[in-house]
Amino acid sequence: MGVVVTKKYRGNGVGKQIFGHLESETMRLGGSELYSFINADNLVSKSLHHKLGFDEIAKGSSFLNVKFDGGEGLLFKKMLHELSSWLKS
């Protein structure tokens, strides 16, 4: 599954809502971690991932057969322990 927020809607909370749902559903189903990869040039997404508690774990030109033409991708990981404080508010 991929999540892409159209440029004109980036920075308006759409990604935060999507990740909130993914996090709560992953935990509900017994999962303990989330992975996400982005184009390194998408600074809004990179900032969002850091704010939501994701750790950057790898850089590369492709992940899972997704190639970042003319750029680099970033792979993020988040361990899920309990409902994040940003989801509670």
N, C-alpha and C. Protein backbone atom coordinates (compact mmCIF):
# COMPACT_ATOMS: atom_id res chain seq x y z
N MET A 1 0.84 -1.17 0.00
CA MET A 1 0.00 0.00 0.00
C MET A 1 0.88 1.23 0.00
N GLY A 2 0.49 2.21 -0.73
CA GLY A 2 1.19 3.48 -0.73
C GLY A 2 0.25 4.60 -0.36
N VAL A 3 0.79 5.61 0.26
CA VAL A 3 0.00 6.79 0.63
C VAL A 3 0.68 7.99 -0.01
N VAL A 4 -0.08 8.71 -0.79
CA VAL A 4 0.44 9.92 -1.42
C VAL A 4 -0.57 11.03 -1.17
N VAL A 5 -0.10 12.13 -0.61
CA VAL A 5 -0.94 13.31 -0.43
C VAL A 5 -0.56 14.29 -1.53
N THR A 6 -1.53 14.70 -2.33
CA THR A 6 -1.31 15.65 -3.41
C THR A 6 -0.65 16.90 -2.85
N LYS A 7 0.31 17.44 -3.60
CA LYS A 7 1.11 18.58 -3.12
C LYS A 7 0.27 19.71 -2.55
N LYS A 8 -0.83 20.04 -3.19
CA LYS A 8 -1.61 21.20 -2.71
C LYS A 8 -2.26 20.94 -1.36
N TYR A 9 -2.35 19.67 -0.90
CA TYR A 9 -2.93 19.36 0.40
C TYR A 9 -1.89 19.04 1.46
N ARG A 10 -0.62 18.96 1.08
CA ARG A 10 0.43 18.65 2.05
C ARG A 10 0.54 19.77 3.08
N GLY A 11 0.81 19.37 4.31
CA GLY A 11 0.96 20.35 5.39
C GLY A 11 -0.35 20.76 6.03
N ASN A 12 -1.45 20.08 5.68
CA ASN A 12 -2.76 20.44 6.22
C ASN A 12 -3.35 19.38 7.15
N GLY A 13 -2.54 18.43 7.60
CA GLY A 13 -3.01 17.43 8.55
C GLY A 13 -3.54 16.14 7.95
N VAL A 14 -3.58 16.05 6.63
CA VAL A 14 -4.10 14.85 5.98
C VAL A 14 -3.21 13.64 6.29
N GLY A 15 -1.92 13.79 6.14
CA GLY A 15 -0.99 12.70 6.42
C GLY A 15 -1.05 12.27 7.88
N LYS A 16 -1.17 13.22 8.78
CA LYS A 16 -1.27 12.91 10.21
C LYS A 16 -2.50 12.06 10.49
N GLN A 17 -3.62 12.39 9.87
CA GLN A 17 -4.85 11.61 10.04
C GLN A 17 -4.69 10.21 9.48
N ILE A 18 -4.07 10.10 8.32
CA ILE A 18 -3.86 8.78 7.71
C ILE A 18 -2.97 7.93 8.61
N PHE A 19 -1.86 8.48 9.06
CA PHE A 19 -0.96 7.71 9.92
C PHE A 19 -1.61 7.38 11.26
N GLY A 20 -2.44 8.27 11.78
CA GLY A 20 -3.16 7.97 13.02
C GLY A 20 -4.03 6.74 12.87
N HIS A 21 -4.74 6.67 11.76
CA HIS A 21 -5.60 5.51 11.50
C HIS A 21 -4.75 4.25 11.31
N LEU A 22 -3.67 4.36 10.54
CA LEU A 22 -2.80 3.20 10.33
C LEU A 22 -2.20 2.69 11.64
N GLU A 23 -1.79 3.61 12.49
CA GLU A 23 -1.20 3.23 13.77
C GLU A 23 -2.21 2.52 14.66
N SER A 24 -3.40 3.09 14.80
CA SER A 24 -4.40 2.47 15.68
C SER A 24 -4.88 1.13 15.13
N GLU A 25 -5.04 1.02 13.83
CA GLU A 25 -5.47 -0.25 13.24
C GLU A 25 -4.38 -1.32 13.33
N THR A 26 -3.13 -0.91 13.15
CA THR A 26 -2.03 -1.86 13.27
C THR A 26 -1.98 -2.42 14.68
N MET A 27 -2.12 -1.56 15.67
CA MET A 27 -2.11 -2.03 17.06
C MET A 27 -3.34 -2.88 17.36
N ARG A 28 -4.50 -2.50 16.85
CA ARG A 28 -5.72 -3.27 17.09
C ARG A 28 -5.57 -4.68 16.55
N LEU A 29 -4.86 -4.82 15.45
CA LEU A 29 -4.66 -6.13 14.82
C LEU A 29 -3.46 -6.88 15.39
N GLY A 30 -2.81 -6.31 16.41
CA GLY A 30 -1.71 -6.99 17.07
C GLY A 30 -0.33 -6.65 16.54
N GLY A 31 -0.24 -5.70 15.63
CA GLY A 31 1.06 -5.30 15.08
C GLY A 31 1.84 -4.45 16.05
N SER A 32 3.15 -4.44 15.88
CA SER A 32 3.99 -3.69 16.82
C SER A 32 4.91 -2.68 16.13
N GLU A 33 4.86 -2.59 14.80
CA GLU A 33 5.73 -1.63 14.12
C GLU A 33 5.13 -1.23 12.78
N LEU A 34 5.50 -0.03 12.36
CA LEU A 34 5.11 0.50 11.05
C LEU A 34 6.37 0.87 10.28
N TYR A 35 6.33 0.66 8.98
CA TYR A 35 7.41 1.09 8.09
C TYR A 35 6.81 2.01 7.04
N SER A 36 7.60 2.98 6.61
CA SER A 36 7.15 3.92 5.59
C SER A 36 8.36 4.37 4.79
N PHE A 37 8.18 4.52 3.49
CA PHE A 37 9.27 5.09 2.70
C PHE A 37 8.75 6.24 1.88
N ILE A 38 9.64 7.22 1.71
CA ILE A 38 9.27 8.47 1.04
C ILE A 38 10.39 8.89 0.11
N ASN A 39 10.07 9.82 -0.77
CA ASN A 39 11.10 10.47 -1.57
C ASN A 39 11.80 11.48 -0.67
N ALA A 40 13.11 11.43 -0.62
CA ALA A 40 13.88 12.31 0.28
C ALA A 40 13.66 13.79 -0.02
N ASP A 41 13.22 14.10 -1.23
CA ASP A 41 12.96 15.50 -1.59
C ASP A 41 11.66 16.04 -0.99
N ASN A 42 10.81 15.16 -0.46
CA ASN A 42 9.54 15.59 0.12
C ASN A 42 9.77 15.98 1.58
N LEU A 43 10.18 17.22 1.78
CA LEU A 43 10.56 17.70 3.10
C LEU A 43 9.38 17.75 4.07
N VAL A 44 8.18 18.00 3.57
CA VAL A 44 7.00 18.02 4.44
C VAL A 44 6.75 16.63 5.01
N SER A 45 6.84 15.61 4.18
CA SER A 45 6.65 14.23 4.64
C SER A 45 7.76 13.82 5.61
N LYS A 46 8.98 14.19 5.29
CA LYS A 46 10.10 13.87 6.17
C LYS A 46 9.89 14.48 7.55
N SER A 47 9.49 15.73 7.60
CA SER A 47 9.21 16.40 8.86
C SER A 47 8.07 15.71 9.61
N LEU A 48 7.01 15.36 8.90
CA LEU A 48 5.87 14.68 9.52
C LEU A 48 6.30 13.36 10.15
N HIS A 49 7.08 12.57 9.42
CA HIS A 49 7.53 11.28 9.95
C HIS A 49 8.31 11.48 11.26
N HIS A 50 9.18 12.45 11.29
CA HIS A 50 9.94 12.71 12.52
C HIS A 50 9.01 13.15 13.66
N LYS A 51 8.06 14.03 13.36
CA LYS A 51 7.12 14.51 14.39
C LYS A 51 6.26 13.37 14.94
N LEU A 52 5.97 12.39 14.11
CA LEU A 52 5.11 11.28 14.53
C LEU A 52 5.89 10.14 15.19
N GLY A 53 7.19 10.32 15.35
CA GLY A 53 7.98 9.34 16.08
C GLY A 53 8.65 8.27 15.24
N PHE A 54 8.69 8.46 13.94
CA PHE A 54 9.38 7.51 13.07
C PHE A 54 10.88 7.78 13.11
N ASP A 55 11.67 6.71 13.02
CA ASP A 55 13.12 6.82 12.92
C ASP A 55 13.54 6.50 11.49
N GLU A 56 14.43 7.30 10.96
CA GLU A 56 14.98 7.05 9.62
C GLU A 56 15.99 5.91 9.74
N ILE A 57 15.77 4.82 8.99
CA ILE A 57 16.64 3.65 9.15
C ILE A 57 17.45 3.31 7.90
N ALA A 58 17.11 3.88 6.74
CA ALA A 58 17.89 3.58 5.53
C ALA A 58 17.64 4.63 4.47
N LYS A 59 18.62 4.78 3.59
CA LYS A 59 18.52 5.64 2.40
C LYS A 59 18.85 4.77 1.20
N GLY A 60 18.22 5.06 0.07
CA GLY A 60 18.53 4.30 -1.13
C GLY A 60 17.76 4.80 -2.33
N SER A 61 18.12 4.26 -3.48
CA SER A 61 17.44 4.66 -4.71
C SER A 61 16.17 3.85 -4.96
N SER A 62 15.95 2.78 -4.18
CA SER A 62 14.71 1.99 -4.32
C SER A 62 14.45 1.19 -3.05
N PHE A 63 13.16 0.95 -2.80
CA PHE A 63 12.70 0.07 -1.73
C PHE A 63 11.51 -0.71 -2.27
N LEU A 64 11.51 -2.01 -2.06
CA LEU A 64 10.39 -2.86 -2.48
C LEU A 64 9.98 -2.61 -3.93
N ASN A 65 10.95 -2.52 -4.80
CA ASN A 65 10.75 -2.31 -6.24
C ASN A 65 10.19 -0.94 -6.61
N VAL A 66 10.17 0.01 -5.68
CA VAL A 66 9.80 1.39 -5.98
C VAL A 66 11.10 2.16 -6.16
N LYS A 67 11.29 2.70 -7.36
CA LYS A 67 12.51 3.44 -7.66
C LYS A 67 12.25 4.94 -7.56
N PHE A 68 13.22 5.63 -7.02
CA PHE A 68 13.14 7.09 -6.89
C PHE A 68 14.00 7.68 -8.00
N ASP A 69 13.40 7.89 -9.16
CA ASP A 69 14.13 8.40 -10.32
C ASP A 69 14.71 9.78 -10.03
N GLY A 70 16.00 9.90 -10.23
CA GLY A 70 16.65 11.18 -10.04
C GLY A 70 16.70 11.64 -8.61
N GLY A 71 16.46 10.74 -7.69
CA GLY A 71 16.47 11.14 -6.29
C GLY A 71 16.79 9.96 -5.40
N GLU A 72 16.51 10.16 -4.14
CA GLU A 72 16.82 9.15 -3.14
C GLU A 72 15.59 8.95 -2.26
N GLY A 73 15.41 7.73 -1.81
CA GLY A 73 14.32 7.43 -0.90
C GLY A 73 14.82 7.28 0.52
N LEU A 74 13.91 7.46 1.46
CA LEU A 74 14.20 7.28 2.88
C LEU A 74 13.23 6.25 3.44
N LEU A 75 13.75 5.30 4.21
CA LEU A 75 12.92 4.29 4.87
C LEU A 75 12.84 4.64 6.35
N PHE A 76 11.62 4.67 6.87
CA PHE A 76 11.36 4.99 8.27
C PHE A 76 10.73 3.80 8.97
N LYS A 77 10.94 3.72 10.28
CA LYS A 77 10.34 2.67 11.11
C LYS A 77 9.84 3.31 12.40
N LYS A 78 8.68 2.82 12.86
CA LYS A 78 8.15 3.27 14.15
C LYS A 78 7.69 2.06 14.94
N MET A 79 8.21 1.94 16.15
CA MET A 79 7.76 0.89 17.06
C MET A 79 6.50 1.39 17.77
N LEU A 80 5.50 0.52 17.84
CA LEU A 80 4.23 0.87 18.46
C LEU A 80 4.13 0.20 19.82
N HIS A 81 4.04 0.99 20.86
CA HIS A 81 3.95 0.45 22.21
C HIS A 81 2.58 0.70 22.81
N GLU A 82 2.09 1.88 22.64
CA GLU A 82 0.76 2.26 23.11
C GLU A 82 0.30 3.40 22.24
N LEU A 83 -0.94 3.77 22.37
CA LEU A 83 -1.49 4.84 21.56
C LEU A 83 -0.68 6.11 21.75
N SER A 84 -0.18 6.64 20.65
CA SER A 84 0.66 7.84 20.72
C SER A 84 -0.10 9.02 21.31
N SER A 85 0.61 9.86 22.03
CA SER A 85 0.00 11.02 22.66
C SER A 85 -0.62 11.95 21.63
N TRP A 86 -0.02 12.03 20.43
CA TRP A 86 -0.58 12.93 19.41
C TRP A 86 -1.92 12.40 18.89
N LEU A 87 -2.20 11.09 19.06
CA LEU A 87 -3.50 10.55 18.66
C LEU A 87 -4.57 10.79 19.71
N LYS A 88 -4.16 10.92 20.97
CA LYS A 88 -5.11 11.08 22.06
C LYS A 88 -5.76 12.46 22.07
N SER A 89 -5.05 13.46 21.55
CA SER A 89 -5.58 14.82 21.61
C SER A 89 -6.41 15.17 20.41
